[in-house]
């Protein structure tokens, strides 16, 4: 009986030494470390370590990240084993290409795929993304005002000149890009820059319920710039056709009428959002002069000198503020 106990004690000691060695040998091959099963480093094996981590999650159960940390260190920098996750995973805990915008694994593309569920990032990067125990603050790289919560972080301007959509497209023939730049930056030179709220409901914050909802596009809802003018009782019945990418019956593109029985009227021109206009635009939204307008003057600037110069160009700054503003401006 005594001999059996001694044998059992020796056996336990051998097992303890073996386990200690597997958790402390920094050069041990991952497939030979007996702490882990065969196939631990084989992506095609059911026991591949990434699969076990996904099953275990963050909790203190076998295979979880917390469980891994008992040997590999709280920040997975090696711990007692001397084997850090970063030795094999250069972008740990993310895939390679995570920070490269042109890579398919770029984190911006991943965020789009999960429809900007930042709670998934908060598990490691902190509830406000200002850094967690095992991850840096997002603002370390995204240093602009507002950081990842700024409007133009996901969609908006590149260098304040070109509009980009959620997937980084800048081509105006793409429906989600269209002629945003022309409107917001006023590159057409016809009127003041159009604000986002003229065509969209602008959310109060990133987490606003109207912001990231079930539709993966910004709903169009025109404000008074588009449909409600002070030219009388005229209120255009605007419409937006997302499939055709076309807005119809809006004041800012010539759907207006005022004067005696609406005698002076625009052309109510129709524009396709992702077909940029070319050439001189004067005379498209309204004739020169507009229909029903008395024609004693041959040029707009003769009567509307605060709006147009003698060469029929809208005057920069002052003229733009007075053109397409819902009012009759004289001079």
Protein backbone atom coordinates (compact mmCIF):
# COMPACT_ATOMS: atom_id res chain seq x y z
CA UNK A 1 0.00 0.00 0.00
CA UNK A 2 2.85 2.39 0.94
CA UNK A 3 4.58 1.58 -2.31
CA UNK A 4 1.41 2.40 -4.27
CA UNK A 5 1.12 5.80 -2.55
CA UNK A 6 4.74 6.60 -3.30
CA UNK A 7 4.26 5.64 -6.93
CA UNK A 8 1.15 7.82 -7.16
CA UNK A 9 3.01 10.78 -5.59
CA UNK A 10 5.88 10.43 -8.05
CA UNK A 11 3.42 10.26 -10.95
CA UNK A 12 1.73 13.49 -9.83
CA UNK A 13 5.10 15.20 -9.52
CA UNK A 14 6.04 14.16 -13.06
CA UNK A 15 2.75 15.49 -14.43
CA UNK A 16 3.19 18.79 -12.56
CA UNK A 17 6.73 19.19 -13.93
CA UNK A 18 5.52 18.44 -17.45
CA UNK A 19 2.73 20.99 -17.22
CA UNK A 20 5.07 23.60 -15.78
CA UNK A 21 7.52 23.02 -18.62
CA UNK A 22 4.85 23.39 -21.30
CA UNK A 23 3.77 26.73 -19.86
CA UNK A 24 7.30 28.11 -19.47
CA UNK A 25 9.30 26.89 -22.45
CA UNK A 26 9.40 29.95 -24.76
CA UNK A 27 10.70 27.99 -27.74
CA UNK A 28 8.40 25.00 -27.59
CA UNK A 29 6.61 24.22 -30.84
CA UNK A 30 2.90 25.02 -30.44
CA UNK A 31 1.91 21.55 -31.73
CA UNK A 32 4.27 19.85 -29.28
CA UNK A 33 3.17 21.76 -26.20
CA UNK A 34 1.11 19.26 -24.29
CA UNK A 35 -1.01 21.98 -22.71
CA UNK A 36 -2.69 22.14 -26.10
CA UNK A 37 -4.15 19.26 -28.13
CA UNK A 38 -2.90 18.12 -31.51
CA UNK A 39 -4.12 20.40 -34.30
CA UNK A 40 -4.03 23.50 -32.09
CA UNK A 41 -2.20 25.41 -34.85
CA UNK A 42 -3.94 23.77 -37.81
CA UNK A 43 -6.66 26.04 -39.23
CA UNK A 44 -8.41 23.02 -40.74
CA UNK A 45 -8.55 21.09 -37.48
CA UNK A 46 -11.71 21.24 -35.32
CA UNK A 47 -9.43 21.95 -32.35
CA UNK A 48 -7.75 24.96 -34.01
CA UNK A 49 -7.13 27.48 -31.24
CA UNK A 50 -9.07 30.33 -32.90
CA UNK A 51 -12.17 28.15 -33.04
CA UNK A 52 -11.83 27.36 -29.35
CA UNK A 53 -11.44 31.04 -28.50
CA UNK A 54 -14.58 31.88 -30.44
CA UNK A 55 -16.43 29.20 -28.50
CA UNK A 56 -15.06 30.36 -25.17
CA UNK A 57 -15.40 34.10 -25.79
CA UNK A 58 -14.12 36.43 -23.09
CA UNK A 59 -15.25 34.42 -20.06
CA UNK A 60 -13.10 32.39 -17.70
CA UNK A 61 -13.82 29.02 -19.31
CA UNK A 62 -11.44 26.67 -21.10
CA UNK A 63 -10.54 28.10 -24.49
CA UNK A 64 -11.60 31.66 -23.64
CA UNK A 65 -9.28 34.65 -23.92
CA UNK A 66 -9.30 35.01 -20.14
CA UNK A 67 -8.26 31.38 -19.81
CA UNK A 68 -5.46 31.88 -22.38
CA UNK A 69 -4.19 34.84 -20.36
CA UNK A 70 -3.38 32.62 -17.37
CA UNK A 71 -0.33 31.35 -19.27
CA UNK A 72 0.18 33.89 -22.06
CA UNK A 73 -0.12 36.99 -19.89
CA UNK A 74 -2.88 39.47 -19.17
CA UNK A 75 -2.11 41.39 -22.36
CA UNK A 76 -1.10 38.23 -24.27
CA UNK A 77 2.48 39.47 -24.42
CA UNK A 78 3.91 36.10 -23.44
CA UNK A 79 3.36 35.77 -19.72
CA UNK A 80 4.92 32.66 -18.13
CA UNK A 81 5.23 30.95 -21.52
CA UNK A 82 7.21 33.73 -23.18
CA UNK A 83 5.06 33.12 -26.26
CA UNK A 84 3.10 36.21 -27.27
CA UNK A 85 0.16 36.09 -29.63
CA UNK A 86 1.83 38.83 -31.65
CA UNK A 87 4.67 36.48 -32.61
CA UNK A 88 2.40 34.73 -35.09
CA UNK A 89 -0.32 37.35 -35.48
CA UNK A 90 1.36 40.60 -36.51
CA UNK A 91 -1.97 42.48 -36.41
CA UNK A 92 -3.20 40.67 -33.30
CA UNK A 93 -6.01 40.42 -32.43
CA UNK A 94 -7.11 41.43 -35.90
CA UNK A 95 -6.36 39.95 -39.30
CA UNK A 96 -3.51 41.19 -41.48
CA UNK A 97 -4.40 44.30 -43.47
CA UNK A 98 -6.62 45.59 -40.65
CA UNK A 99 -5.17 49.12 -40.93
CA UNK A 100 -4.61 49.21 -44.71
CA UNK A 101 -7.49 51.00 -46.52
CA UNK A 102 -6.88 49.14 -49.78
CA UNK A 103 -6.89 45.71 -48.12
CA UNK A 104 -10.03 43.57 -48.12
CA UNK A 105 -9.52 43.08 -44.37
CA UNK A 106 -9.42 46.82 -43.65
CA UNK A 107 -11.34 47.52 -40.45
CA UNK A 108 -13.45 50.23 -42.11
CA UNK A 109 -14.85 47.62 -44.48
CA UNK A 110 -15.46 45.27 -41.58
CA UNK A 111 -17.39 47.98 -39.74
CA UNK A 112 -19.59 48.43 -42.80
CA UNK A 113 -20.21 44.66 -42.91
CA UNK A 114 -21.39 44.65 -39.28
CA UNK A 115 -23.29 47.91 -39.93
CA UNK A 116 -21.23 50.02 -37.55
CA UNK A 117 -21.97 48.05 -34.42
CA UNK A 118 -19.29 49.80 -32.35
CA UNK A 119 -20.31 47.78 -29.31
CA UNK A 120 -18.31 44.95 -30.87
CA UNK A 121 -15.23 47.18 -30.76
CA UNK A 122 -16.00 48.38 -27.24
CA UNK A 123 -15.40 44.90 -25.79
CA UNK A 124 -11.67 45.54 -26.15
CA UNK A 125 -11.30 49.25 -26.88
CA UNK A 126 -13.49 50.47 -24.01
CA UNK A 127 -17.11 51.55 -23.86
CA UNK A 128 -16.29 54.96 -25.35
CA UNK A 129 -13.46 53.60 -27.54
CA UNK A 130 -10.92 55.54 -25.50
CA UNK A 131 -8.87 52.42 -24.84
CA UNK A 132 -9.32 49.23 -22.86
CA UNK A 133 -7.08 46.86 -20.92
CA UNK A 134 -5.86 45.12 -24.05
CA UNK A 135 -6.45 47.66 -26.81
CA UNK A 136 -5.54 51.28 -27.63
CA UNK A 137 -7.87 54.23 -28.00
CA UNK A 138 -9.26 54.70 -31.51
CA UNK A 139 -8.26 58.37 -31.25
CA UNK A 140 -4.60 57.31 -31.33
CA UNK A 141 -4.98 57.08 -35.09
CA UNK A 142 -8.23 58.97 -35.71
CA UNK A 143 -7.15 62.35 -34.38
CA UNK A 144 -9.70 64.66 -36.05
CA UNK A 145 -12.34 66.39 -33.93
CA UNK A 146 -15.01 63.90 -32.95
CA UNK A 147 -12.77 60.92 -33.73
CA UNK A 148 -14.70 57.90 -34.97
CA UNK A 149 -17.98 59.61 -34.08
CA UNK A 150 -17.44 62.55 -36.47
CA UNK A 151 -19.84 62.64 -39.42
CA UNK A 152 -17.12 62.81 -42.05
CA UNK A 153 -15.25 59.90 -40.49
CA UNK A 154 -17.55 57.43 -42.26
CA UNK A 155 -19.02 59.56 -45.02
CA UNK A 156 -18.22 63.02 -46.26
CA UNK A 157 -15.24 64.84 -47.59
CA UNK A 158 -11.71 63.79 -48.39
CA UNK A 159 -9.45 66.81 -47.81
CA UNK A 160 -12.58 69.00 -47.85
CA UNK A 161 -12.90 68.77 -51.62
CA UNK A 162 -14.38 65.42 -52.64
CA UNK A 163 -17.33 63.57 -51.16
CA UNK A 164 -16.92 59.87 -50.37
CA UNK A 165 -19.62 57.37 -49.46
CA UNK A 166 -19.51 54.76 -46.69
CA UNK A 167 -17.36 52.44 -48.79
CA UNK A 168 -14.90 55.09 -49.88
CA UNK A 169 -16.35 55.63 -53.38
CA UNK A 170 -15.78 59.11 -54.84
CA UNK A 171 -16.99 58.61 -58.42
CA UNK A 172 -20.07 60.85 -58.95
CA UNK A 173 -21.65 58.26 -61.24
CA UNK A 174 -22.01 55.96 -58.20
CA UNK A 175 -25.50 56.45 -56.77
CA UNK A 176 -24.38 56.89 -53.16
CA UNK A 177 -21.88 59.58 -54.24
CA UNK A 178 -23.68 61.46 -57.00
CA UNK A 179 -23.27 65.21 -57.05
CA UNK A 180 -22.85 65.67 -53.29
CA UNK A 181 -19.69 67.68 -53.89
CA UNK A 182 -21.48 70.05 -56.25
CA UNK A 183 -24.21 70.69 -53.69
CA UNK A 184 -22.28 70.82 -50.43
CA UNK A 185 -19.17 72.59 -51.75
CA UNK A 186 -21.13 74.79 -54.18
CA UNK A 187 -18.84 73.97 -57.09
CA UNK A 188 -21.70 74.83 -59.47
CA UNK A 189 -21.32 78.48 -58.41
CA UNK A 190 -25.07 79.15 -58.54
CA UNK A 191 -26.09 79.45 -54.91
CA UNK A 192 -24.89 78.99 -51.35
CA UNK A 193 -23.53 75.62 -50.31
CA UNK A 194 -26.40 73.25 -49.59
CA UNK A 195 -26.37 71.84 -46.08
CA UNK A 196 -26.90 68.14 -45.33
CA UNK A 197 -30.18 69.00 -43.59
CA UNK A 198 -31.60 70.39 -46.84
CA UNK A 199 -31.99 66.85 -48.14
CA UNK A 200 -31.62 64.59 -45.09
CA UNK A 201 -32.68 64.30 -41.47
CA UNK A 202 -29.39 64.95 -39.68
CA UNK A 203 -29.09 62.84 -36.49
CA UNK A 204 -28.28 64.58 -33.24
CA UNK A 205 -25.58 62.03 -32.44
CA UNK A 206 -24.00 58.80 -33.64
CA UNK A 207 -26.39 56.75 -31.49
CA UNK A 208 -29.51 58.66 -32.58
CA UNK A 209 -32.22 56.08 -33.51
CA UNK A 210 -32.71 57.81 -36.87
CA UNK A 211 -29.03 57.42 -37.75
CA UNK A 212 -28.00 53.78 -38.23
CA UNK A 213 -31.22 51.93 -38.87
CA UNK A 214 -32.37 48.98 -40.96
CA UNK A 215 -31.83 50.76 -44.30
CA UNK A 216 -28.26 51.10 -45.54
CA UNK A 217 -28.76 54.51 -47.09
CA UNK A 218 -29.71 58.01 -46.02
CA UNK A 219 -33.40 58.69 -46.53
CA UNK A 220 -34.17 61.84 -48.52
CA UNK A 221 -36.40 64.40 -46.82
CA UNK A 222 -36.24 67.88 -48.32
CA UNK A 223 -36.44 71.04 -46.23
CA UNK A 224 -37.67 74.47 -47.31
CA UNK A 225 -34.75 74.95 -49.69
CA UNK A 226 -36.33 72.36 -51.95
CA UNK A 227 -40.05 72.89 -51.71
CA UNK A 228 -41.39 75.78 -49.64
CA UNK A 229 -40.76 79.22 -51.12
CA UNK A 230 -41.80 82.72 -50.17
CA UNK A 231 -42.87 83.54 -53.70
CA UNK A 232 -46.53 83.28 -52.84
CA UNK A 233 -48.74 80.34 -51.98
CA UNK A 234 -46.81 78.02 -54.28
CA UNK A 235 -45.63 74.81 -52.58
CA UNK A 236 -44.10 72.29 -54.99
CA UNK A 237 -45.03 68.64 -54.46
CA UNK A 238 -41.50 67.25 -54.49
CA UNK A 239 -40.61 63.60 -55.01
CA UNK A 240 -37.47 61.48 -54.88
CA UNK A 241 -37.10 58.24 -56.82
CA UNK A 242 -34.23 56.26 -55.31
CA UNK A 243 -34.25 53.61 -58.03
CA UNK A 244 -34.00 56.16 -60.83
CA UNK A 245 -31.79 58.46 -58.67
CA UNK A 246 -33.97 61.41 -59.58
CA UNK A 247 -35.60 64.29 -57.75
CA UNK A 248 -38.66 65.94 -59.32
CA UNK A 249 -40.84 68.98 -58.73
CA UNK A 250 -38.47 70.85 -56.44
CA UNK A 251 -38.08 74.59 -56.18
CA UNK A 252 -34.30 74.61 -56.33
CA UNK A 253 -34.37 73.07 -59.81
CA UNK A 254 -36.99 75.35 -61.27
CA UNK A 255 -40.38 74.28 -59.95
CA UNK A 256 -41.66 77.72 -58.99
CA UNK A 257 -44.42 80.07 -60.03
CA UNK A 258 -45.31 83.52 -58.76
CA UNK A 259 -46.80 86.77 -59.89
CA UNK A 260 -50.33 87.15 -61.18
CA UNK A 261 -51.79 83.63 -61.24
CA UNK A 262 -48.30 82.19 -61.28
CA UNK A 263 -47.47 83.81 -64.57
CA UNK A 264 -43.72 83.78 -63.97
CA UNK A 265 -42.59 80.18 -63.82
CA UNK A 266 -39.49 78.03 -63.93
CA UNK A 267 -38.80 75.08 -66.16
CA UNK A 268 -39.26 72.44 -63.44
CA UNK A 269 -36.19 70.66 -64.76
CA UNK A 270 -35.53 67.05 -63.82
CA UNK A 271 -32.04 65.94 -62.82
CA UNK A 272 -30.55 62.51 -62.33
CA UNK A 273 -28.48 62.48 -59.16
CA UNK A 274 -25.52 60.49 -60.46
CA UNK A 275 -25.29 62.15 -63.88
CA UNK A 276 -23.21 65.32 -63.33
CA UNK A 277 -24.28 68.35 -65.36
CA UNK A 278 -21.84 69.89 -67.80
CA UNK A 279 -21.42 73.31 -69.38
CA UNK A 280 -23.23 76.55 -68.61
CA UNK A 281 -26.23 75.78 -66.40
CA UNK A 282 -27.95 79.15 -66.76
CA UNK A 283 -31.22 78.75 -68.58
CA UNK A 284 -31.83 75.16 -67.46
CA UNK A 285 -33.92 75.66 -64.30
CA UNK A 286 -35.59 78.74 -65.77
CA UNK A 287 -35.46 80.34 -69.19
CA UNK A 288 -33.59 83.60 -69.78
CA UNK A 289 -35.73 85.43 -68.92
CA UNK A 290 -38.11 83.04 -67.10
CA UNK A 291 -41.44 82.17 -68.70
CA UNK A 292 -43.96 84.97 -68.09
CA UNK A 293 -41.25 87.45 -67.07
CA UNK A 294 -41.34 90.79 -68.85
CA UNK A 295 -38.57 90.85 -71.40
CA UNK A 296 -37.55 94.50 -71.46
CA UNK A 297 -34.13 93.54 -70.09
CA UNK A 298 -31.85 91.30 -72.12
CA UNK A 299 -29.70 90.18 -69.15
CA UNK A 300 -30.53 89.23 -65.57
CA UNK A 301 -27.97 91.62 -64.13
CA UNK A 302 -29.73 94.66 -65.58
CA UNK A 303 -32.46 94.33 -62.93
CA UNK A 304 -30.90 91.85 -60.50
CA UNK A 305 -27.51 93.51 -60.27
CA UNK A 306 -26.93 92.23 -56.75
CA UNK A 307 -27.23 88.67 -58.04
CA UNK A 308 -25.66 88.57 -61.51
CA UNK A 309 -22.84 90.54 -63.11
CA UNK A 310 -23.06 92.03 -66.64
CA UNK A 311 -21.74 88.76 -68.09
CA UNK A 312 -24.56 86.74 -66.51
CA UNK A 313 -22.30 85.19 -63.88
CA UNK A 314 -23.67 84.78 -60.37
CA UNK A 315 -21.73 87.14 -58.13
CA UNK A 316 -19.49 85.23 -55.74
CA UNK A 317 -20.61 85.34 -52.10
CA UNK A 318 -23.24 88.09 -52.24
CA UNK A 319 -24.98 86.88 -55.38
CA UNK A 320 -24.99 83.25 -54.39
CA UNK A 321 -26.76 84.08 -51.13
CA UNK A 322 -29.54 85.80 -53.12
CA UNK A 323 -29.95 83.20 -55.87
CA UNK A 324 -32.30 80.23 -55.32
CA UNK A 325 -33.22 81.57 -51.89
CA UNK A 326 -37.01 81.53 -52.21
CA UNK A 327 -37.25 85.31 -52.51
CA UNK A 328 -37.56 87.99 -55.19
CA UNK A 329 -34.47 90.16 -55.02
CA UNK A 330 -34.22 93.61 -56.57
CA UNK A 331 -31.87 94.99 -57.58
